[in-house]
Amino acid sequence: ALKTYLETDKTSYSADDVLKLRIVVAREDTFLGYGSYFDLQGWDEETGEWVSAFAGSAAFFDDYSVSTGTSTDSIRLSDYPVKDYPKYRIEKEVHVDTITVVAYSNEFTIE
């Protein structure tokens, strides 16, 4: 479960792009569950910390997905206005077999 991570399809996006996100697990027979909620985080250079990058409140559907092995999701960035940061990442809670983990994506930019 601790080897679960998120992977974006690119490292640079425009604000109108659709970000394709893979939820990667260690074994293909792993039970995977996740909701629609995620946090888009930005790197705050002043504090040296990852912070929520949403410019306003973000609405999420009450959807829950279940699969076995690696799974994919997509995020239309224009649906989520963001504050300006030099780099971003996605944080998402994922249920892997019977364990809940917080998974993070690689870093990316939004132009």
PDB file of N, CA and C in Angstrom:
ATOM      1  N   ALA A   1       0.824  -1.200   0.000  1.00  0.00           N
ATOM      2  CA  ALA A   1       0.000   0.000   0.000  1.00  0.00           C
ATOM      3  C   ALA A   1       0.864   1.258   0.000  1.00  0.00           C
ATOM      4  N   LEU A   2       1.991   1.213   0.691  1.00  0.00           N
ATOM      5  CA  LEU A   2       2.829   2.407   0.778  1.00  0.00           C
ATOM      6  C   LEU A   2       3.527   2.729  -0.540  1.00  0.00           C
ATOM      7  N   LYS A   3       3.506   1.801  -1.492  1.00  0.00           N
ATOM      8  CA  LYS A   3       4.102   2.049  -2.805  1.00  0.00           C
ATOM      9  C   LYS A   3       3.091   2.645  -3.777  1.00  0.00           C
ATOM     10  N   THR A   4       1.912   3.017  -3.302  1.00  0.00           N
ATOM     11  CA  THR A   4       0.891   3.630  -4.143  1.00  0.00           C
ATOM     12  C   THR A   4       1.255   5.087  -4.387  1.00  0.00           C
ATOM     13  N   TYR A   5       1.162   5.507  -5.648  1.00  0.00           N
ATOM     14  CA  TYR A   5       1.441   6.901  -5.978  1.00  0.00           C
ATOM     15  C   TYR A   5       0.587   7.323  -7.161  1.00  0.00           C
ATOM     16  N   LEU A   6       0.588   8.617  -7.428  1.00  0.00           N
ATOM     17  CA  LEU A   6      -0.161   9.197  -8.538  1.00  0.00           C
ATOM     18  C   LEU A   6       0.820   9.651  -9.606  1.00  0.00           C
ATOM     19  N   GLU A   7       0.397   9.566 -10.855  1.00  0.00           N
ATOM     20  CA  GLU A   7       1.272   9.940 -11.972  1.00  0.00           C
ATOM     21  C   GLU A   7       0.450  10.724 -13.000  1.00  0.00           C
ATOM     22  N   THR A   8       0.892  11.932 -13.318  1.00  0.00           N
ATOM     23  CA  THR A   8       0.201  12.729 -14.327  1.00  0.00           C
ATOM     24  C   THR A   8       0.740  12.392 -15.717  1.00  0.00           C
ATOM     25  N   ASP A   9      -0.067  12.682 -16.745  1.00  0.00           N
ATOM     26  CA  ASP A   9       0.344  12.342 -18.108  1.00  0.00           C
ATOM     27  C   ASP A   9       1.344  13.329 -18.697  1.00  0.00           C
ATOM     28  N   LYS A  10       1.457  14.527 -18.104  1.00  0.00           N
ATOM     29  CA  LYS A  10       2.418  15.537 -18.569  1.00  0.00           C
ATOM     30  C   LYS A  10       3.012  16.247 -17.359  1.00  0.00           C
ATOM     31  N   THR A  11       4.013  17.062 -17.598  1.00  0.00           N
ATOM     32  CA  THR A  11       4.599  17.853 -16.508  1.00  0.00           C
ATOM     33  C   THR A  11       4.304  19.338 -16.646  1.00  0.00           C
ATOM     34  N   SER A  12       3.581  19.719 -17.712  1.00  0.00           N
ATOM     35  CA  SER A  12       3.195  21.115 -17.899  1.00  0.00           C
ATOM     36  C   SER A  12       1.819  21.165 -18.549  1.00  0.00           C
ATOM     37  N   TYR A  13       0.939  21.994 -17.994  1.00  0.00           N
ATOM     38  CA  TYR A  13      -0.436  22.102 -18.469  1.00  0.00           C
ATOM     39  C   TYR A  13      -0.820  23.559 -18.662  1.00  0.00           C
ATOM     40  N   SER A  14      -1.815  23.789 -19.515  1.00  0.00           N
ATOM     41  CA  SER A  14      -2.455  25.099 -19.561  1.00  0.00           C
ATOM     42  C   SER A  14      -3.672  25.012 -18.648  1.00  0.00           C
ATOM     43  N   ALA A  15      -4.248  26.157 -18.289  1.00  0.00           N
ATOM     44  CA  ALA A  15      -5.397  26.170 -17.376  1.00  0.00           C
ATOM     45  C   ALA A  15      -6.627  25.524 -18.000  1.00  0.00           C
ATOM     46  N   ASP A  16      -6.636  25.309 -19.311  1.00  0.00           N
ATOM     47  CA  ASP A  16      -7.778  24.695 -20.003  1.00  0.00           C
ATOM     48  C   ASP A  16      -7.601  23.196 -20.235  1.00  0.00           C
ATOM     49  N   ASP A  17      -6.464  22.640 -19.889  1.00  0.00           N
ATOM     50  CA  ASP A  17      -6.179  21.230 -20.170  1.00  0.00           C
ATOM     51  C   ASP A  17      -6.959  20.278 -19.272  1.00  0.00           C
ATOM     52  N   VAL A  18      -7.033  19.035 -19.724  1.00  0.00           N
ATOM     53  CA  VAL A  18      -7.526  17.938 -18.898  1.00  0.00           C
ATOM     54  C   VAL A  18      -6.297  17.166 -18.435  1.00  0.00           C
ATOM     55  N   LEU A  19      -6.134  17.083 -17.133  1.00  0.00           N
ATOM     56  CA  LEU A  19      -5.015  16.365 -16.537  1.00  0.00           C
ATOM     57  C   LEU A  19      -5.434  14.909 -16.388  1.00  0.00           C
ATOM     58  N   LYS A  20      -4.680  14.013 -16.984  1.00  0.00           N
ATOM     59  CA  LYS A  20      -4.954  12.582 -16.846  1.00  0.00           C
ATOM     60  C   LYS A  20      -4.067  12.043 -15.739  1.00  0.00           C
ATOM     61  N   LEU A  21      -4.700  11.367 -14.796  1.00  0.00           N
ATOM     62  CA  LEU A  21      -4.044  10.927 -13.582  1.00  0.00           C
ATOM     63  C   LEU A  21      -4.131   9.413 -13.466  1.00  0.00           C
ATOM     64  N   ARG A  22      -2.996   8.775 -13.265  1.00  0.00           N
ATOM     65  CA  ARG A  22      -2.952   7.329 -13.009  1.00  0.00           C
ATOM     66  C   ARG A  22      -2.718   7.110 -11.527  1.00  0.00           C
ATOM     67  N   ILE A  23      -3.484   6.208 -10.957  1.00  0.00           N
ATOM     68  CA  ILE A  23      -3.255   5.769  -9.587  1.00  0.00           C
ATOM     69  C   ILE A  23      -2.510   4.448  -9.712  1.00  0.00           C
ATOM     70  N   VAL A  24      -1.252   4.450  -9.320  1.00  0.00           N
ATOM     71  CA  VAL A  24      -0.372   3.301  -9.533  1.00  0.00           C
ATOM     72  C   VAL A  24      -0.207   2.528  -8.225  1.00  0.00           C
ATOM     73  N   VAL A  25      -0.429   1.209  -8.312  1.00  0.00           N
ATOM     74  CA  VAL A  25      -0.259   0.326  -7.156  1.00  0.00           C
ATOM     75  C   VAL A  25       0.822  -0.706  -7.472  1.00  0.00           C
ATOM     76  N   ALA A  26       1.323  -1.346  -6.446  1.00  0.00           N
ATOM     77  CA  ALA A  26       2.451  -2.276  -6.612  1.00  0.00           C
ATOM     78  C   ALA A  26       2.065  -3.568  -7.330  1.00  0.00           C
ATOM     79  N   ARG A  27       0.848  -4.082  -7.090  1.00  0.00           N
ATOM     80  CA  ARG A  27       0.442  -5.360  -7.679  1.00  0.00           C
ATOM     81  C   ARG A  27      -0.883  -5.191  -8.428  1.00  0.00           C
ATOM     82  N   GLU A  28      -1.031  -5.890  -9.526  1.00  0.00           N
ATOM     83  CA  GLU A  28      -2.245  -5.789 -10.329  1.00  0.00           C
ATOM     84  C   GLU A  28      -3.456  -6.448  -9.681  1.00  0.00           C
ATOM     85  N   ASP A  29      -3.272  -7.262  -8.654  1.00  0.00           N
ATOM     86  CA  ASP A  29      -4.413  -7.872  -7.977  1.00  0.00           C
ATOM     87  C   ASP A  29      -4.837  -7.074  -6.740  1.00  0.00           C
ATOM     88  N   THR A  30      -4.291  -5.875  -6.581  1.00  0.00           N
ATOM     89  CA  THR A  30      -4.604  -5.015  -5.447  1.00  0.00           C
ATOM     90  C   THR A  30      -5.994  -4.411  -5.613  1.00  0.00           C
ATOM     91  N   PHE A  31      -6.802  -4.453  -4.559  1.00  0.00           N
ATOM     92  CA  PHE A  31      -8.103  -3.791  -4.532  1.00  0.00           C
ATOM     93  C   PHE A  31      -7.862  -2.297  -4.349  1.00  0.00           C
ATOM     94  N   LEU A  32      -8.503  -1.489  -5.179  1.00  0.00           N
ATOM     95  CA  LEU A  32      -8.296  -0.042  -5.153  1.00  0.00           C
ATOM     96  C   LEU A  32      -9.641   0.666  -5.096  1.00  0.00           C
ATOM     97  N   GLY A  33      -9.798   1.597  -4.179  1.00  0.00           N
ATOM     98  CA  GLY A  33     -11.014   2.391  -4.070  1.00  0.00           C
ATOM     99  C   GLY A  33     -10.655   3.853  -3.842  1.00  0.00           C
ATOM    100  N   TYR A  34     -11.426   4.756  -4.468  1.00  0.00           N
ATOM    101  CA  TYR A  34     -11.151   6.186  -4.299  1.00  0.00           C
ATOM    102  C   TYR A  34     -12.386   6.997  -4.675  1.00  0.00           C
ATOM    103  N   GLY A  35     -12.514   8.148  -4.035  1.00  0.00           N
ATOM    104  CA  GLY A  35     -13.614   9.062  -4.324  1.00  0.00           C
ATOM    105  C   GLY A  35     -13.179  10.136  -5.305  1.00  0.00           C
ATOM    106  N   SER A  36     -14.075  11.070  -5.560  1.00  0.00           N
ATOM    107  CA  SER A  36     -13.771  12.131  -6.520  1.00  0.00           C
ATOM    108  C   SER A  36     -12.913  13.236  -5.903  1.00  0.00           C
ATOM    109  N   TYR A  37     -12.836  13.298  -4.562  1.00  0.00           N
ATOM    110  CA  TYR A  37     -12.103  14.377  -3.905  1.00  0.00           C
ATOM    111  C   TYR A  37     -10.595  14.240  -4.112  1.00  0.00           C
ATOM    112  N   PHE A  38      -9.953  15.365  -4.337  1.00  0.00           N
ATOM    113  CA  PHE A  38      -8.498  15.456  -4.370  1.00  0.00           C
ATOM    114  C   PHE A  38      -8.128  16.858  -3.909  1.00  0.00           C
ATOM    115  N   ASP A  39      -6.891  17.068  -3.579  1.00  0.00           N
ATOM    116  CA  ASP A  39      -6.404  18.410  -3.266  1.00  0.00           C
ATOM    117  C   ASP A  39      -5.330  18.755  -4.282  1.00  0.00           C
ATOM    118  N   LEU A  40      -5.511  19.878  -4.948  1.00  0.00           N
ATOM    119  CA  LEU A  40      -4.484  20.410  -5.835  1.00  0.00           C
ATOM    120  C   LEU A  40      -3.619  21.303  -4.958  1.00  0.00           C
ATOM    121  N   GLN A  41      -2.359  20.939  -4.811  1.00  0.00           N
ATOM    122  CA  GLN A  41      -1.470  21.673  -3.918  1.00  0.00           C
ATOM    123  C   GLN A  41      -0.433  22.455  -4.714  1.00  0.00           C
ATOM    124  N   GLY A  42      -0.076  23.629  -4.190  1.00  0.00           N
ATOM    125  CA  GLY A  42       0.961  24.449  -4.791  1.00  0.00           C
ATOM    126  C   GLY A  42       2.128  24.592  -3.832  1.00  0.00           C
ATOM    127  N   TRP A  43       3.304  24.785  -4.406  1.00  0.00           N
ATOM    128  CA  TRP A  43       4.509  24.955  -3.593  1.00  0.00           C
ATOM    129  C   TRP A  43       4.643  26.414  -3.211  1.00  0.00           C
ATOM    130  N   ASP A  44       4.548  26.705  -1.901  1.00  0.00           N
ATOM    131  CA  ASP A  44       4.677  28.063  -1.383  1.00  0.00           C
ATOM    132  C   ASP A  44       6.150  28.308  -1.084  1.00  0.00           C
ATOM    133  N   GLU A  45       6.787  29.131  -1.914  1.00  0.00           N
ATOM    134  CA  GLU A  45       8.227  29.369  -1.762  1.00  0.00           C
ATOM    135  C   GLU A  45       8.561  30.095  -0.468  1.00  0.00           C
ATOM    136  N   GLU A  46       7.653  30.929   0.037  1.00  0.00           N
ATOM    137  CA  GLU A  46       7.929  31.669   1.270  1.00  0.00           C
ATOM    138  C   GLU A  46       8.001  30.746   2.479  1.00  0.00           C
ATOM    139  N   THR A  47       7.075  29.788   2.565  1.00  0.00           N
ATOM    140  CA  THR A  47       7.044  28.903   3.733  1.00  0.00           C
ATOM    141  C   THR A  47       7.792  27.598   3.494  1.00  0.00           C
ATOM    142  N   GLY A  48       8.071  27.269   2.224  1.00  0.00           N
ATOM    143  CA  GLY A  48       8.718  26.009   1.903  1.00  0.00           C
ATOM    144  C   GLY A  48       7.827  24.814   2.155  1.00  0.00           C
ATOM    145  N   GLU A  49       6.506  24.999   1.921  1.00  0.00           N
ATOM    146  CA  GLU A  49       5.533  23.935   2.177  1.00  0.00           C
ATOM    147  C   GLU A  49       4.554  23.804   1.016  1.00  0.00           C
ATOM    148  N   TRP A  50       3.959  22.617   0.905  1.00  0.00           N
ATOM    149  CA  TRP A  50       2.851  22.404  -0.021  1.00  0.00           C
ATOM    150  C   TRP A  50       1.580  22.892   0.652  1.00  0.00           C
ATOM    151  N   VAL A  51       0.796  23.717  -0.050  1.00  0.00           N
ATOM    152  CA  VAL A  51      -0.460  24.262   0.477  1.00  0.00           C
ATOM    153  C   VAL A  51      -1.563  24.053  -0.557  1.00  0.00           C
ATOM    154  N   SER A  52      -2.802  24.106  -0.112  1.00  0.00           N
ATOM    155  CA  SER A  52      -3.917  23.968  -1.051  1.00  0.00           C
ATOM    156  C   SER A  52      -3.879  25.134  -2.037  1.00  0.00           C
ATOM    157  N   ALA A  53      -4.002  24.821  -3.324  1.00  0.00           N
ATOM    158  CA  ALA A  53      -3.888  25.841  -4.369  1.00  0.00           C
ATOM    159  C   ALA A  53      -5.241  26.297  -4.903  1.00  0.00           C
ATOM    160  N   PHE A  54      -6.337  25.766  -4.377  1.00  0.00           N
ATOM    161  CA  PHE A  54      -7.652  26.178  -4.862  1.00  0.00           C
ATOM    162  C   PHE A  54      -7.885  27.646  -4.541  1.00  0.00           C
ATOM    163  N   ALA A  55      -8.309  28.420  -5.555  1.00  0.00           N
ATOM    164  CA  ALA A  55      -8.547  29.849  -5.374  1.00  0.00           C
ATOM    165  C   ALA A  55      -9.901  30.110  -4.709  1.00  0.00           C
ATOM    166  N   GLY A  56     -10.797  29.168  -4.775  1.00  0.00           N
ATOM    167  CA  GLY A  56     -12.113  29.274  -4.143  1.00  0.00           C
ATOM    168  C   GLY A  56     -12.506  27.901  -3.642  1.00  0.00           C
ATOM    169  N   SER A  57     -13.779  27.747  -3.391  1.00  0.00           N
ATOM    170  CA  SER A  57     -14.232  26.425  -2.966  1.00  0.00           C
ATOM    171  C   SER A  57     -14.371  25.525  -4.188  1.00  0.00           C
ATOM    172  N   ALA A  58     -13.975  24.302  -4.049  1.00  0.00           N
ATOM    173  CA  ALA A  58     -14.052  23.332  -5.138  1.00  0.00           C
ATOM    174  C   ALA A  58     -15.173  22.351  -4.842  1.00  0.00           C
ATOM    175  N   ALA A  59     -16.048  22.136  -5.831  1.00  0.00           N
ATOM    176  CA  ALA A  59     -17.164  21.211  -5.654  1.00  0.00           C
ATOM    177  C   ALA A  59     -16.774  19.828  -6.166  1.00  0.00           C
ATOM    178  N   PHE A  60     -17.101  18.810  -5.409  1.00  0.00           N
ATOM    179  CA  PHE A  60     -16.796  17.438  -5.801  1.00  0.00           C
ATOM    180  C   PHE A  60     -18.076  16.624  -5.804  1.00  0.00           C
ATOM    181  N   PHE A  61     -18.179  15.707  -6.752  1.00  0.00           N
ATOM    182  CA  PHE A  61     -19.315  14.799  -6.811  1.00  0.00           C
ATOM    183  C   PHE A  61     -19.109  13.707  -5.770  1.00  0.00           C
ATOM    184  N   ASP A  62     -20.171  13.098  -5.360  1.00  0.00           N
ATOM    185  CA  ASP A  62     -20.083  12.052  -4.357  1.00  0.00           C
ATOM    186  C   ASP A  62     -19.881  10.692  -5.026  1.00  0.00           C
ATOM    187  N   ASP A  63     -18.978  10.637  -5.984  1.00  0.00           N
ATOM    188  CA  ASP A  63     -18.692   9.407  -6.706  1.00  0.00           C
ATOM    189  C   ASP A  63     -17.618   8.609  -5.968  1.00  0.00           C
ATOM    190  N   TYR A  64     -17.700   7.293  -6.084  1.00  0.00           N
ATOM    191  CA  TYR A  64     -16.677   6.424  -5.527  1.00  0.00           C
ATOM    192  C   TYR A  64     -16.380   5.348  -6.557  1.00  0.00           C
ATOM    193  N   SER A  65     -15.122   5.142  -6.859  1.00  0.00           N
ATOM    194  CA  SER A  65     -14.713   4.160  -7.860  1.00  0.00           C
ATOM    195  C   SER A  65     -13.979   3.014  -7.194  1.00  0.00           C
ATOM    196  N   VAL A  66     -14.202   1.823  -7.723  1.00  0.00           N
ATOM    197  CA  VAL A  66     -13.550   0.621  -7.221  1.00  0.00           C
ATOM    198  C   VAL A  66     -12.967  -0.111  -8.414  1.00  0.00           C
ATOM    199  N   SER A  67     -11.728  -0.585  -8.282  1.00  0.00           N
ATOM    200  CA  SER A  67     -11.102  -1.339  -9.362  1.00  0.00           C
ATOM    201  C   SER A  67     -10.045  -2.269  -8.768  1.00  0.00           C
ATOM    202  N   THR A  68      -9.435  -3.024  -9.639  1.00  0.00           N
ATOM    203  CA  THR A  68      -8.320  -3.872  -9.249  1.00  0.00           C
ATOM    204  C   THR A  68      -7.098  -3.411 -10.028  1.00  0.00           C
ATOM    205  N   GLY A  69      -6.011  -3.168  -9.336  1.00  0.00           N
ATOM    206  CA  GLY A  69      -4.782  -2.723  -9.992  1.00  0.00           C
ATOM    207  C   GLY A  69      -4.803  -1.248 -10.318  1.00  0.00           C
ATOM    208  N   THR A  70      -3.843  -0.832 -11.116  1.00  0.00           N
ATOM    209  CA  THR A  70      -3.686   0.568 -11.507  1.00  0.00           C
ATOM    210  C   THR A  70      -4.953   1.086 -12.156  1.00  0.00           C
ATOM    211  N   SER A  71      -5.313   2.323 -11.852  1.00  0.00           N
ATOM    212  CA  SER A  71      -6.542   2.915 -12.368  1.00  0.00           C
ATOM    213  C   SER A  71      -6.255   4.321 -12.886  1.00  0.00           C
ATOM    214  N   THR A  72      -7.188   4.883 -13.661  1.00  0.00           N
ATOM    215  CA  THR A  72      -7.007   6.227 -14.200  1.00  0.00           C
ATOM    216  C   THR A  72      -8.188   7.118 -13.843  1.00  0.00           C
ATOM    217  N   ASP A  73      -7.920   8.400 -13.816  1.00  0.00           N
ATOM    218  CA  ASP A  73      -8.930   9.419 -13.549  1.00  0.00           C
ATOM    219  C   ASP A  73      -8.522  10.642 -14.359  1.00  0.00           C
ATOM    220  N   SER A  74      -9.418  11.594 -14.542  1.00  0.00           N
ATOM    221  CA  SER A  74      -9.050  12.818 -15.238  1.00  0.00           C
ATOM    222  C   SER A  74      -9.646  14.017 -14.522  1.00  0.00           C
ATOM    223  N   ILE A  75      -8.957  15.144 -14.653  1.00  0.00           N
ATOM    224  CA  ILE A  75      -9.356  16.382 -13.983  1.00  0.00           C
ATOM    225  C   ILE A  75      -9.314  17.505 -15.008  1.00  0.00           C
ATOM    226  N   ARG A  76     -10.451  18.159 -15.240  1.00  0.00           N
ATOM    227  CA  ARG A  76     -10.478  19.329 -16.129  1.00  0.00           C
ATOM    228  C   ARG A  76     -10.041  20.529 -15.289  1.00  0.00           C
ATOM    229  N   LEU A  77      -8.848  21.031 -15.556  1.00  0.00           N
ATOM    230  CA  LEU A  77      -8.266  22.080 -14.716  1.00  0.00           C
ATOM    231  C   LEU A  77      -9.106  23.353 -14.688  1.00  0.00           C
ATOM    232  N   SER A  78      -9.814  23.663 -15.766  1.00  0.00           N
ATOM    233  CA  SER A  78     -10.626  24.880 -15.793  1.00  0.00           C
ATOM    234  C   SER A  78     -11.786  24.812 -14.789  1.00  0.00           C
ATOM    235  N   ASP A  79     -12.143  23.624 -14.309  1.00  0.00           N
ATOM    236  CA  ASP A  79     -13.191  23.481 -13.293  1.00  0.00           C
ATOM    237  C   ASP A  79     -12.700  23.875 -11.901  1.00  0.00           C
ATOM    238  N   TYR A  80     -11.395  24.042 -11.740  1.00  0.00           N
ATOM    239  CA  TYR A  80     -10.810  24.304 -10.428  1.00  0.00           C
ATOM    240  C   TYR A  80      -9.871  25.511 -10.503  1.00  0.00           C
ATOM    241  N   PRO A  81     -10.398  26.724 -10.314  1.00  0.00           N
ATOM    242  CA  PRO A  81      -9.516  27.903 -10.333  1.00  0.00           C
ATOM    243  C   PRO A  81      -8.434  27.769  -9.265  1.00  0.00           C
ATOM    244  N   VAL A  82      -7.203  28.092  -9.653  1.00  0.00           N
ATOM    245  CA  VAL A  82      -6.082  27.917  -8.740  1.00  0.00           C
ATOM    246  C   VAL A  82      -5.314  29.211  -8.528  1.00  0.00           C
ATOM    247  N   LYS A  83      -4.660  29.288  -7.391  1.00  0.00           N
ATOM    248  CA  LYS A  83      -3.744  30.391  -7.108  1.00  0.00           C
ATOM    249  C   LYS A  83      -2.452  30.141  -7.873  1.00  0.00           C
ATOM    250  N   ASP A  84      -1.682  31.180  -8.057  1.00  0.00           N
ATOM    251  CA  ASP A  84      -0.451  31.085  -8.842  1.00  0.00           C
ATOM    252  C   ASP A  84       0.712  30.592  -7.983  1.00  0.00           C
ATOM    253  N   TYR A  85       1.223  29.423  -8.334  1.00  0.00           N
ATOM    254  CA  TYR A  85       2.392  28.849  -7.671  1.00  0.00           C
ATOM    255  C   TYR A  85       3.376  28.380  -8.736  1.00  0.00           C
ATOM    256  N   PRO A  86       4.664  28.259  -8.397  1.00  0.00           N
ATOM    257  CA  PRO A  86       5.648  27.826  -9.393  1.00  0.00           C
ATOM    258  C   PRO A  86       5.503  26.350  -9.795  1.00  0.00           C
ATOM    259  N   LYS A  87       4.945  25.530  -8.895  1.00  0.00           N
ATOM    260  CA  LYS A  87       4.737  24.116  -9.220  1.00  0.00           C
ATOM    261  C   LYS A  87       3.577  23.585  -8.388  1.00  0.00           C
ATOM    262  N   TYR A  88       3.015  22.473  -8.875  1.00  0.00           N
ATOM    263  CA  TYR A  88       1.827  21.882  -8.256  1.00  0.00           C
ATOM    264  C   TYR A  88       1.998  20.374  -8.133  1.00  0.00           C
ATOM    265  N   ARG A  89       1.101  19.757  -7.335  1.00  0.00           N
ATOM    266  CA  ARG A  89       0.979  18.311  -7.267  1.00  0.00           C
ATOM    267  C   ARG A  89      -0.456  17.992  -6.831  1.00  0.00           C
ATOM    268  N   ILE A  90      -0.847  16.749  -7.025  1.00  0.00           N
ATOM    269  CA  ILE A  90      -2.162  16.278  -6.596  1.00  0.00           C
ATOM    270  C   ILE A  90      -1.989  15.404  -5.359  1.00  0.00           C
ATOM    271  N   GLU A  91      -2.849  15.599  -4.377  1.00  0.00           N
ATOM    272  CA  GLU A  91      -2.913  14.746  -3.193  1.00  0.00           C
ATOM    273  C   GLU A  91      -4.286  14.074  -3.196  1.00  0.00           C
ATOM    274  N   LYS A  92      -4.311  12.762  -3.006  1.00  0.00           N
ATOM    275  CA  LYS A  92      -5.578  12.030  -3.048  1.00  0.00           C
ATOM    276  C   LYS A  92      -5.541  10.886  -2.052  1.00  0.00           C
ATOM    277  N   GLU A  93      -6.646  10.718  -1.315  1.00  0.00           N
ATOM    278  CA  GLU A  93      -6.781   9.588  -0.406  1.00  0.00           C
ATOM    279  C   GLU A  93      -7.249   8.387  -1.215  1.00  0.00           C
ATOM    280  N   VAL A  94      -6.546   7.278  -1.053  1.00  0.00           N
ATOM    281  CA  VAL A  94      -6.827   6.064  -1.811  1.00  0.00           C
ATOM    282  C   VAL A  94      -6.903   4.894  -0.828  1.00  0.00           C
ATOM    283  N   HIS A  95      -7.870   4.014  -1.048  1.00  0.00           N
ATOM    284  CA  HIS A  95      -8.013   2.816  -0.229  1.00  0.00           C
ATOM    285  C   HIS A  95      -7.377   1.662  -0.991  1.00  0.00           C
ATOM    286  N   VAL A  96      -6.319   1.119  -0.437  1.00  0.00           N
ATOM    287  CA  VAL A  96      -5.542   0.054  -1.065  1.00  0.00           C
ATOM    288  C   VAL A  96      -5.702  -1.198  -0.204  1.00  0.00           C
ATOM    289  N   ASP A  97      -6.392  -2.202  -0.784  1.00  0.00           N
ATOM    290  CA  ASP A  97      -6.783  -3.380  -0.020  1.00  0.00           C
ATOM    291  C   ASP A  97      -7.536  -2.904   1.227  1.00  0.00           C
ATOM    292  N   THR A  98      -7.018  -3.067   2.416  1.00  0.00           N
ATOM    293  CA  THR A  98      -7.729  -2.632   3.623  1.00  0.00           C
ATOM    294  C   THR A  98      -7.073  -1.416   4.278  1.00  0.00           C
ATOM    295  N   ILE A  99      -6.143  -0.793   3.572  1.00  0.00           N
ATOM    296  CA  ILE A  99      -5.376   0.322   4.140  1.00  0.00           C
ATOM    297  C   ILE A  99      -5.718   1.619   3.399  1.00  0.00           C
ATOM    298  N   THR A 100      -5.892   2.697   4.149  1.00  0.00           N
ATOM    299  CA  THR A 100      -6.100   4.015   3.555  1.00  0.00           C
ATOM    300  C   THR A 100      -4.762   4.734   3.499  1.00  0.00           C
ATOM    301  N   VAL A 101      -4.381   5.188   2.303  1.00  0.00           N
ATOM    302  CA  VAL A 101      -3.126   5.922   2.142  1.00  0.00           C
ATOM    303  C   VAL A 101      -3.402   7.261   1.481  1.00  0.00           C
ATOM    304  N   VAL A 102      -2.535   8.208   1.740  1.00  0.00           N
ATOM    305  CA  VAL A 102      -2.571   9.482   1.032  1.00  0.00           C
ATOM    306  C   VAL A 102      -1.472   9.406  -0.021  1.00  0.00           C
ATOM    307  N   ALA A 103      -1.883   9.494  -1.281  1.00  0.00           N
ATOM    308  CA  ALA A 103      -0.935   9.374  -2.390  1.00  0.00           C
ATOM    309  C   ALA A 103      -0.705  10.745  -3.014  1.00  0.00           C
ATOM    310  N   TYR A 104       0.496  10.948  -3.541  1.00  0.00           N
ATOM    311  CA  TYR A 104       0.873  12.215  -4.158  1.00  0.00           C
ATOM    312  C   TYR A 104       1.334  11.970  -5.585  1.00  0.00           C
ATOM    313  N   SER A 105       1.116  12.973  -6.426  1.00  0.00           N
ATOM    314  CA  SER A 105       1.567  12.882  -7.807  1.00  0.00           C
ATOM    315  C   SER A 105       2.949  13.491  -7.946  1.00  0.00           C
ATOM    316  N   ASN A 106       3.490  13.315  -9.131  1.00  0.00           N
ATOM    317  CA  ASN A 106       4.703  14.034  -9.505  1.00  0.00           C
ATOM    318  C   ASN A 106       4.370  15.539  -9.567  1.00  0.00           C
ATOM    319  N   GLU A 107       5.393  16.355  -9.592  1.00  0.00           N
ATOM    320  CA  GLU A 107       5.201  17.808  -9.691  1.00  0.00           C
ATOM    321  C   GLU A 107       4.931  18.186 -11.136  1.00  0.00           C
ATOM    322  N   PHE A 108       4.152  19.266 -11.326  1.00  0.00           N
ATOM    323  CA  PHE A 108       3.854  19.780 -12.660  1.00  0.00           C
ATOM    324  C   PHE A 108       3.614  21.274 -12.584  1.00  0.00           C
ATOM    325  N   THR A 109       3.588  21.937 -13.722  1.00  0.00           N
ATOM    326  CA  THR A 109       3.321  23.371 -13.780  1.00  0.00           C
ATOM    327  C   THR A 109       1.998  23.616 -14.507  1.00  0.00           C
ATOM    328  N   ILE A 110       1.383  24.759 -14.210  1.00  0.00           N
ATOM    329  CA  ILE A 110       0.192  25.213 -14.927  1.00  0.00           C
ATOM    330  C   ILE A 110       0.522  26.588 -15.475  1.00  0.00           C
ATOM    331  N   GLU A 111       0.547  26.688 -16.790  1.00  0.00           N
ATOM    332  CA  GLU A 111       0.911  27.952 -17.458  1.00  0.00           C
ATOM    333  C   GLU A 111      -0.294  28.858 -17.598  1.00  0.00           C
TER     334      GLU A 111
END
